[in-house]
Amino acid sequence: MSECPTLETDRLRLRPFVDDDVEAYFALYDTPEVRRSLHVADSFSRDDAWTHFALWRGQWALRGTGQWALERRDTGAFIGRAGSHLPERAGWPGLEIGWTLHPDHWGHGYATEAGRAAVDWCFANHDIDQLVSVILPENTASQAVARRLGFVLSEERTLPHFPQQPHGIWRLARPATSDDPSAFGQ
């Protein structure tokens, strides 16, 4: 069991969700852009928002994976979520890195900054050879973030929990370290 750590980057604080985040989290999911890019149901409510981020906290406790609430360090403003995800779902491709930001904060590099922190944290804290990012084909903004983080599209797959459309499965291999003889071509 583990608790969600708090991380800081140059501009962001990645922290556990708290009860006071419910309004901002619902506002994030209530935007047309986020609903469209993640296929969020029109019925997604404030109550669903609370349950959603409570699930992230539970995943941290059970698996040492989960999403962080993202806030700007300079203002303390909640701007979205980012982190890892390892659900109990048939056909899930592995430990995922993902991000969702409020559209008011798109285009500033925050998703890439948070994604980089999540990638680094996961490789430092999990014994895994690769990470994945599961992205719908029309979500070109998230695909661009994945590319900036070094992920490569490896396949398209229809996932059992979302049979309506295939998702792109993007993969990022653990970087070689100086301790690894293959890093030097040996």
C-alpha atoms as a PDB file:
ATOM      1  CA  MET A   1       0.000   0.000   0.000  1.00  0.00           C
ATOM      2  CA  SER A   2       1.245   3.510  -0.723  1.00  0.00           C
ATOM      3  CA  GLU A   3       0.034   7.026  -0.450  1.00  0.00           C
ATOM      4  CA  CYS A   4       0.032   9.463  -3.326  1.00  0.00           C
ATOM      5  CA  PRO A   5       3.251  11.503  -3.163  1.00  0.00           C
ATOM      6  CA  THR A   6       3.443  15.213  -3.946  1.00  0.00           C
ATOM      7  CA  LEU A   7       5.838  16.231  -6.716  1.00  0.00           C
ATOM      8  CA  GLU A   8       6.903  19.636  -7.948  1.00  0.00           C
ATOM      9  CA  THR A   9       8.165  20.698 -11.342  1.00  0.00           C
ATOM     10  CA  ASP A  10       9.265  24.169 -12.424  1.00  0.00           C
ATOM     11  CA  ARG A  11       5.678  25.386 -12.777  1.00  0.00           C
ATOM     12  CA  LEU A  12       3.425  22.664 -11.355  1.00  0.00           C
ATOM     13  CA  ARG A  13       2.537  20.867  -8.151  1.00  0.00           C
ATOM     14  CA  LEU A  14       1.324  17.285  -8.617  1.00  0.00           C
ATOM     15  CA  ARG A  15      -0.544  16.413  -5.432  1.00  0.00           C
ATOM     16  CA  PRO A  16      -3.198  14.062  -4.059  1.00  0.00           C
ATOM     17  CA  PHE A  17      -6.819  14.962  -4.726  1.00  0.00           C
ATOM     18  CA  VAL A  18      -8.753  16.434  -1.799  1.00  0.00           C
ATOM     19  CA  ASP A  19     -12.469  16.993  -1.189  1.00  0.00           C
ATOM     20  CA  ASP A  20     -12.132  20.671  -2.104  1.00  0.00           C
ATOM     21  CA  ASP A  21     -11.181  19.688  -5.688  1.00  0.00           C
ATOM     22  CA  VAL A  22     -14.653  18.423  -6.596  1.00  0.00           C
ATOM     23  CA  GLU A  23     -15.944  21.656  -8.193  1.00  0.00           C
ATOM     24  CA  ALA A  24     -12.792  22.235 -10.234  1.00  0.00           C
ATOM     25  CA  TYR A  25     -12.620  18.572 -11.259  1.00  0.00           C
ATOM     26  CA  PHE A  26     -16.236  18.625 -12.402  1.00  0.00           C
ATOM     27  CA  ALA A  27     -15.598  21.909 -14.266  1.00  0.00           C
ATOM     28  CA  LEU A  28     -12.717  20.185 -16.080  1.00  0.00           C
ATOM     29  CA  TYR A  29     -14.952  17.298 -17.217  1.00  0.00           C
ATOM     30  CA  ASP A  30     -17.855  19.600 -17.979  1.00  0.00           C
ATOM     31  CA  THR A  31     -16.043  21.365 -20.828  1.00  0.00           C
ATOM     32  CA  PRO A  32     -17.097  20.382 -24.354  1.00  0.00           C
ATOM     33  CA  GLU A  33     -13.454  19.889 -25.360  1.00  0.00           C
ATOM     34  CA  VAL A  34     -12.703  17.370 -22.589  1.00  0.00           C
ATOM     35  CA  ARG A  35     -16.024  15.577 -23.021  1.00  0.00           C
ATOM     36  CA  ARG A  36     -15.304  15.213 -26.742  1.00  0.00           C
ATOM     37  CA  SER A  37     -11.635  14.182 -26.442  1.00  0.00           C
ATOM     38  CA  LEU A  38     -12.295  11.563 -23.725  1.00  0.00           C
ATOM     39  CA  HIS A  39     -15.807  10.540 -24.829  1.00  0.00           C
ATOM     40  CA  VAL A  40     -17.217  11.613 -21.457  1.00  0.00           C
ATOM     41  CA  ALA A  41     -20.938  10.914 -21.184  1.00  0.00           C
ATOM     42  CA  ASP A  42     -23.295  13.896 -21.016  1.00  0.00           C
ATOM     43  CA  SER A  43     -24.612  12.396 -17.795  1.00  0.00           C
ATOM     44  CA  PHE A  44     -21.219  12.841 -16.009  1.00  0.00           C
ATOM     45  CA  SER A  45     -22.148  14.789 -12.870  1.00  0.00           C
ATOM     46  CA  ARG A  46     -20.559  16.483  -9.883  1.00  0.00           C
ATOM     47  CA  ASP A  47     -21.157  13.241  -7.940  1.00  0.00           C
ATOM     48  CA  ASP A  48     -19.365  11.299 -10.677  1.00  0.00           C
ATOM     49  CA  ALA A  49     -16.464  13.748 -10.461  1.00  0.00           C
ATOM     50  CA  TRP A  50     -16.021  13.022  -6.747  1.00  0.00           C
ATOM     51  CA  THR A  51     -16.214   9.266  -7.318  1.00  0.00           C
ATOM     52  CA  HIS A  52     -13.742   9.580 -10.200  1.00  0.00           C
ATOM     53  CA  PHE A  53     -11.006  11.257  -8.199  1.00  0.00           C
ATOM     54  CA  ALA A  54     -11.723   9.065  -5.161  1.00  0.00           C
ATOM     55  CA  LEU A  55     -10.883   6.132  -7.455  1.00  0.00           C
ATOM     56  CA  TRP A  56      -7.527   7.760  -8.223  1.00  0.00           C
ATOM     57  CA  ARG A  57      -6.798   7.992  -4.489  1.00  0.00           C
ATOM     58  CA  GLY A  58      -7.792   4.352  -4.077  1.00  0.00           C
ATOM     59  CA  GLN A  59      -5.534   3.246  -6.910  1.00  0.00           C
ATOM     60  CA  TRP A  60      -2.617   4.954  -5.174  1.00  0.00           C
ATOM     61  CA  ALA A  61      -3.380   3.062  -1.959  1.00  0.00           C
ATOM     62  CA  LEU A  62      -3.804  -0.305  -3.679  1.00  0.00           C
ATOM     63  CA  ARG A  63      -1.269  -0.223  -6.525  1.00  0.00           C
ATOM     64  CA  GLY A  64       1.078   2.708  -6.045  1.00  0.00           C
ATOM     65  CA  THR A  65      -0.278   4.197  -9.267  1.00  0.00           C
ATOM     66  CA  GLY A  66      -2.798   6.911  -9.950  1.00  0.00           C
ATOM     67  CA  GLN A  67      -3.404  10.428 -11.126  1.00  0.00           C
ATOM     68  CA  TRP A  68      -2.343  13.606  -9.388  1.00  0.00           C
ATOM     69  CA  ALA A  69      -4.309  16.816  -9.125  1.00  0.00           C
ATOM     70  CA  LEU A  70      -2.351  19.442 -11.069  1.00  0.00           C
ATOM     71  CA  GLU A  71      -2.046  22.959  -9.808  1.00  0.00           C
ATOM     72  CA  ARG A  72       0.048  25.869 -10.903  1.00  0.00           C
ATOM     73  CA  ARG A  73       2.708  26.645  -8.331  1.00  0.00           C
ATOM     74  CA  ASP A  74       2.500  30.396  -8.872  1.00  0.00           C
ATOM     75  CA  THR A  75      -1.268  30.699  -8.317  1.00  0.00           C
ATOM     76  CA  GLY A  76      -2.355  27.416  -6.723  1.00  0.00           C
ATOM     77  CA  ALA A  77      -5.025  27.117  -9.438  1.00  0.00           C
ATOM     78  CA  PHE A  78      -6.298  23.602 -10.205  1.00  0.00           C
ATOM     79  CA  ILE A  79      -5.663  22.991 -13.909  1.00  0.00           C
ATOM     80  CA  GLY A  80      -6.257  19.263 -14.414  1.00  0.00           C
ATOM     81  CA  ARG A  81      -4.929  15.815 -13.672  1.00  0.00           C
ATOM     82  CA  ALA A  82      -1.967  13.705 -14.793  1.00  0.00           C
ATOM     83  CA  GLY A  83      -0.150  10.586 -13.743  1.00  0.00           C
ATOM     84  CA  SER A  84      -0.310   6.845 -14.064  1.00  0.00           C
ATOM     85  CA  HIS A  85      -3.139   4.382 -14.414  1.00  0.00           C
ATOM     86  CA  LEU A  86      -3.257   0.627 -14.010  1.00  0.00           C
ATOM     87  CA  PRO A  87      -6.905  -0.430 -13.974  1.00  0.00           C
ATOM     88  CA  GLU A  88      -8.240  -3.925 -13.492  1.00  0.00           C
ATOM     89  CA  ARG A  89      -9.548  -4.227 -17.064  1.00  0.00           C
ATOM     90  CA  ALA A  90      -9.351  -7.064 -19.548  1.00  0.00           C
ATOM     91  CA  GLY A  91      -7.039  -6.218 -22.420  1.00  0.00           C
ATOM     92  CA  TRP A  92      -5.420  -3.206 -20.711  1.00  0.00           C
ATOM     93  CA  PRO A  93      -1.919  -2.838 -22.226  1.00  0.00           C
ATOM     94  CA  GLY A  94       0.125  -1.876 -19.141  1.00  0.00           C
ATOM     95  CA  LEU A  95       1.007   0.966 -16.799  1.00  0.00           C
ATOM     96  CA  GLU A  96      -0.353   4.046 -18.527  1.00  0.00           C
ATOM     97  CA  ILE A  97       0.736   7.654 -18.355  1.00  0.00           C
ATOM     98  CA  GLY A  98      -2.103  10.106 -19.037  1.00  0.00           C
ATOM     99  CA  TRP A  99      -3.156  13.710 -18.627  1.00  0.00           C
ATOM    100  CA  THR A 100      -6.274  15.826 -18.870  1.00  0.00           C
ATOM    101  CA  LEU A 101      -6.102  19.593 -18.509  1.00  0.00           C
ATOM    102  CA  HIS A 102      -8.809  22.223 -18.511  1.00  0.00           C
ATOM    103  CA  PRO A 103      -8.886  23.796 -22.002  1.00  0.00           C
ATOM    104  CA  ASP A 104      -8.044  27.197 -20.480  1.00  0.00           C
ATOM    105  CA  HIS A 105      -4.598  25.726 -19.797  1.00  0.00           C
ATOM    106  CA  TRP A 106      -3.951  23.996 -23.125  1.00  0.00           C
ATOM    107  CA  GLY A 107      -1.017  25.145 -25.229  1.00  0.00           C
ATOM    108  CA  HIS A 108       1.300  26.130 -22.360  1.00  0.00           C
ATOM    109  CA  GLY A 109       3.312  22.897 -22.081  1.00  0.00           C
ATOM    110  CA  TYR A 110       1.735  21.884 -18.764  1.00  0.00           C
ATOM    111  CA  ALA A 111       0.672  18.424 -20.007  1.00  0.00           C
ATOM    112  CA  THR A 112       4.190  17.688 -21.218  1.00  0.00           C
ATOM    113  CA  GLU A 113       5.712  18.964 -17.966  1.00  0.00           C
ATOM    114  CA  ALA A 114       3.343  16.864 -15.835  1.00  0.00           C
ATOM    115  CA  GLY A 115       3.716  13.862 -18.146  1.00  0.00           C
ATOM    116  CA  ARG A 116       7.513  14.040 -17.865  1.00  0.00           C
ATOM    117  CA  ALA A 117       7.280  14.087 -14.054  1.00  0.00           C
ATOM    118  CA  ALA A 118       4.920  11.079 -14.142  1.00  0.00           C
ATOM    119  CA  VAL A 119       7.184   9.131 -16.528  1.00  0.00           C
ATOM    120  CA  ASP A 120      10.250   9.799 -14.397  1.00  0.00           C
ATOM    121  CA  TRP A 121       8.402   8.903 -11.182  1.00  0.00           C
ATOM    122  CA  CYS A 122       7.025   5.655 -12.623  1.00  0.00           C
ATOM    123  CA  PHE A 123      10.373   4.452 -13.962  1.00  0.00           C
ATOM    124  CA  ALA A 124      12.018   5.318 -10.623  1.00  0.00           C
ATOM    125  CA  ASN A 125       9.333   3.595  -8.523  1.00  0.00           C
ATOM    126  CA  HIS A 126       8.094   0.627 -10.588  1.00  0.00           C
ATOM    127  CA  ASP A 127      10.032  -2.351 -11.907  1.00  0.00           C
ATOM    128  CA  ILE A 128       8.724  -2.125 -15.474  1.00  0.00           C
ATOM    129  CA  ASP A 129      10.351  -2.152 -18.895  1.00  0.00           C
ATOM    130  CA  GLN A 130       7.899   0.204 -20.571  1.00  0.00           C
ATOM    131  CA  LEU A 131       5.025   2.603 -20.094  1.00  0.00           C
ATOM    132  CA  VAL A 132       2.017   3.053 -22.343  1.00  0.00           C
ATOM    133  CA  SER A 133      -0.333   5.850 -23.205  1.00  0.00           C
ATOM    134  CA  VAL A 134      -3.795   4.936 -24.501  1.00  0.00           C
ATOM    135  CA  ILE A 135      -5.079   7.660 -26.831  1.00  0.00           C
ATOM    136  CA  LEU A 136      -8.084   7.903 -29.128  1.00  0.00           C
ATOM    137  CA  PRO A 137      -7.108   8.495 -32.782  1.00  0.00           C
ATOM    138  CA  GLU A 138      -8.807  11.891 -33.017  1.00  0.00           C
ATOM    139  CA  ASN A 139      -7.062  13.223 -29.899  1.00  0.00           C
ATOM    140  CA  THR A 140      -4.182  14.791 -31.812  1.00  0.00           C
ATOM    141  CA  ALA A 141      -3.230  17.133 -28.953  1.00  0.00           C
ATOM    142  CA  SER A 142      -2.558  14.189 -26.619  1.00  0.00           C
ATOM    143  CA  GLN A 143      -0.711  12.390 -29.394  1.00  0.00           C
ATOM    144  CA  ALA A 144       1.591  15.427 -29.701  1.00  0.00           C
ATOM    145  CA  VAL A 145       2.258  15.340 -25.940  1.00  0.00           C
ATOM    146  CA  ALA A 146       3.019  11.613 -26.142  1.00  0.00           C
ATOM    147  CA  ARG A 147       5.509  12.244 -28.970  1.00  0.00           C
ATOM    148  CA  ARG A 148       7.228  15.024 -26.994  1.00  0.00           C
ATOM    149  CA  LEU A 149       7.612  12.578 -24.102  1.00  0.00           C
ATOM    150  CA  GLY A 150       9.196   9.983 -26.419  1.00  0.00           C
ATOM    151  CA  PHE A 151       6.212   7.614 -26.778  1.00  0.00           C
ATOM    152  CA  VAL A 152       5.827   5.873 -30.149  1.00  0.00           C
ATOM    153  CA  LEU A 153       2.549   4.592 -31.577  1.00  0.00           C
ATOM    154  CA  SER A 154       2.896   0.810 -31.644  1.00  0.00           C
ATOM    155  CA  GLU A 155      -0.611  -0.402 -32.477  1.00  0.00           C
ATOM    156  CA  GLU A 156      -4.291   0.377 -32.621  1.00  0.00           C
ATOM    157  CA  ARG A 157      -6.468  -1.828 -30.461  1.00  0.00           C
ATOM    158  CA  THR A 158     -10.155  -2.051 -29.616  1.00  0.00           C
ATOM    159  CA  LEU A 159     -10.345  -2.348 -25.842  1.00  0.00           C
ATOM    160  CA  PRO A 160     -13.107  -4.498 -24.323  1.00  0.00           C
ATOM    161  CA  HIS A 161     -14.365  -1.666 -22.084  1.00  0.00           C
ATOM    162  CA  PHE A 162     -14.691   0.708 -25.094  1.00  0.00           C
ATOM    163  CA  PRO A 163     -15.678  -1.343 -28.160  1.00  0.00           C
ATOM    164  CA  GLN A 164     -16.952   1.696 -30.108  1.00  0.00           C
ATOM    165  CA  GLN A 165     -13.538   2.684 -31.438  1.00  0.00           C
ATOM    166  CA  PRO A 166      -9.928   1.508 -31.402  1.00  0.00           C
ATOM    167  CA  HIS A 167      -7.388   3.362 -29.283  1.00  0.00           C
ATOM    168  CA  GLY A 168      -3.791   4.049 -30.207  1.00  0.00           C
ATOM    169  CA  ILE A 169      -1.389   2.248 -27.887  1.00  0.00           C
ATOM    170  CA  TRP A 170       1.715   4.389 -27.503  1.00  0.00           C
ATOM    171  CA  ARG A 171       4.797   2.875 -25.858  1.00  0.00           C
ATOM    172  CA  LEU A 172       7.861   4.274 -24.134  1.00  0.00           C
ATOM    173  CA  ALA A 173      10.728   1.946 -23.208  1.00  0.00           C
ATOM    174  CA  ARG A 174      12.645   2.404 -19.981  1.00  0.00           C
ATOM    175  CA  PRO A 175      15.717   4.449 -20.847  1.00  0.00           C
ATOM    176  CA  ALA A 176      19.060   2.697 -20.707  1.00  0.00           C
ATOM    177  CA  THR A 177      21.232   3.763 -17.794  1.00  0.00           C
ATOM    178  CA  SER A 178      24.987   4.062 -17.498  1.00  0.00           C
ATOM    179  CA  ASP A 179      24.847   0.810 -15.435  1.00  0.00           C
ATOM    180  CA  ASP A 180      23.422  -0.973 -18.480  1.00  0.00           C
ATOM    181  CA  PRO A 181      26.227  -2.327 -20.749  1.00  0.00           C
ATOM    182  CA  SER A 182      23.878  -2.130 -23.771  1.00  0.00           C
ATOM    183  CA  ALA A 183      23.734   1.655 -23.273  1.00  0.00           C
ATOM    184  CA  PHE A 184      27.296   1.795 -24.595  1.00  0.00           C
ATOM    185  CA  GLY A 185      26.853  -0.707 -27.402  1.00  0.00           C
ATOM    186  CA  GLN A 186      28.727  -3.454 -25.519  1.00  0.00           C
END
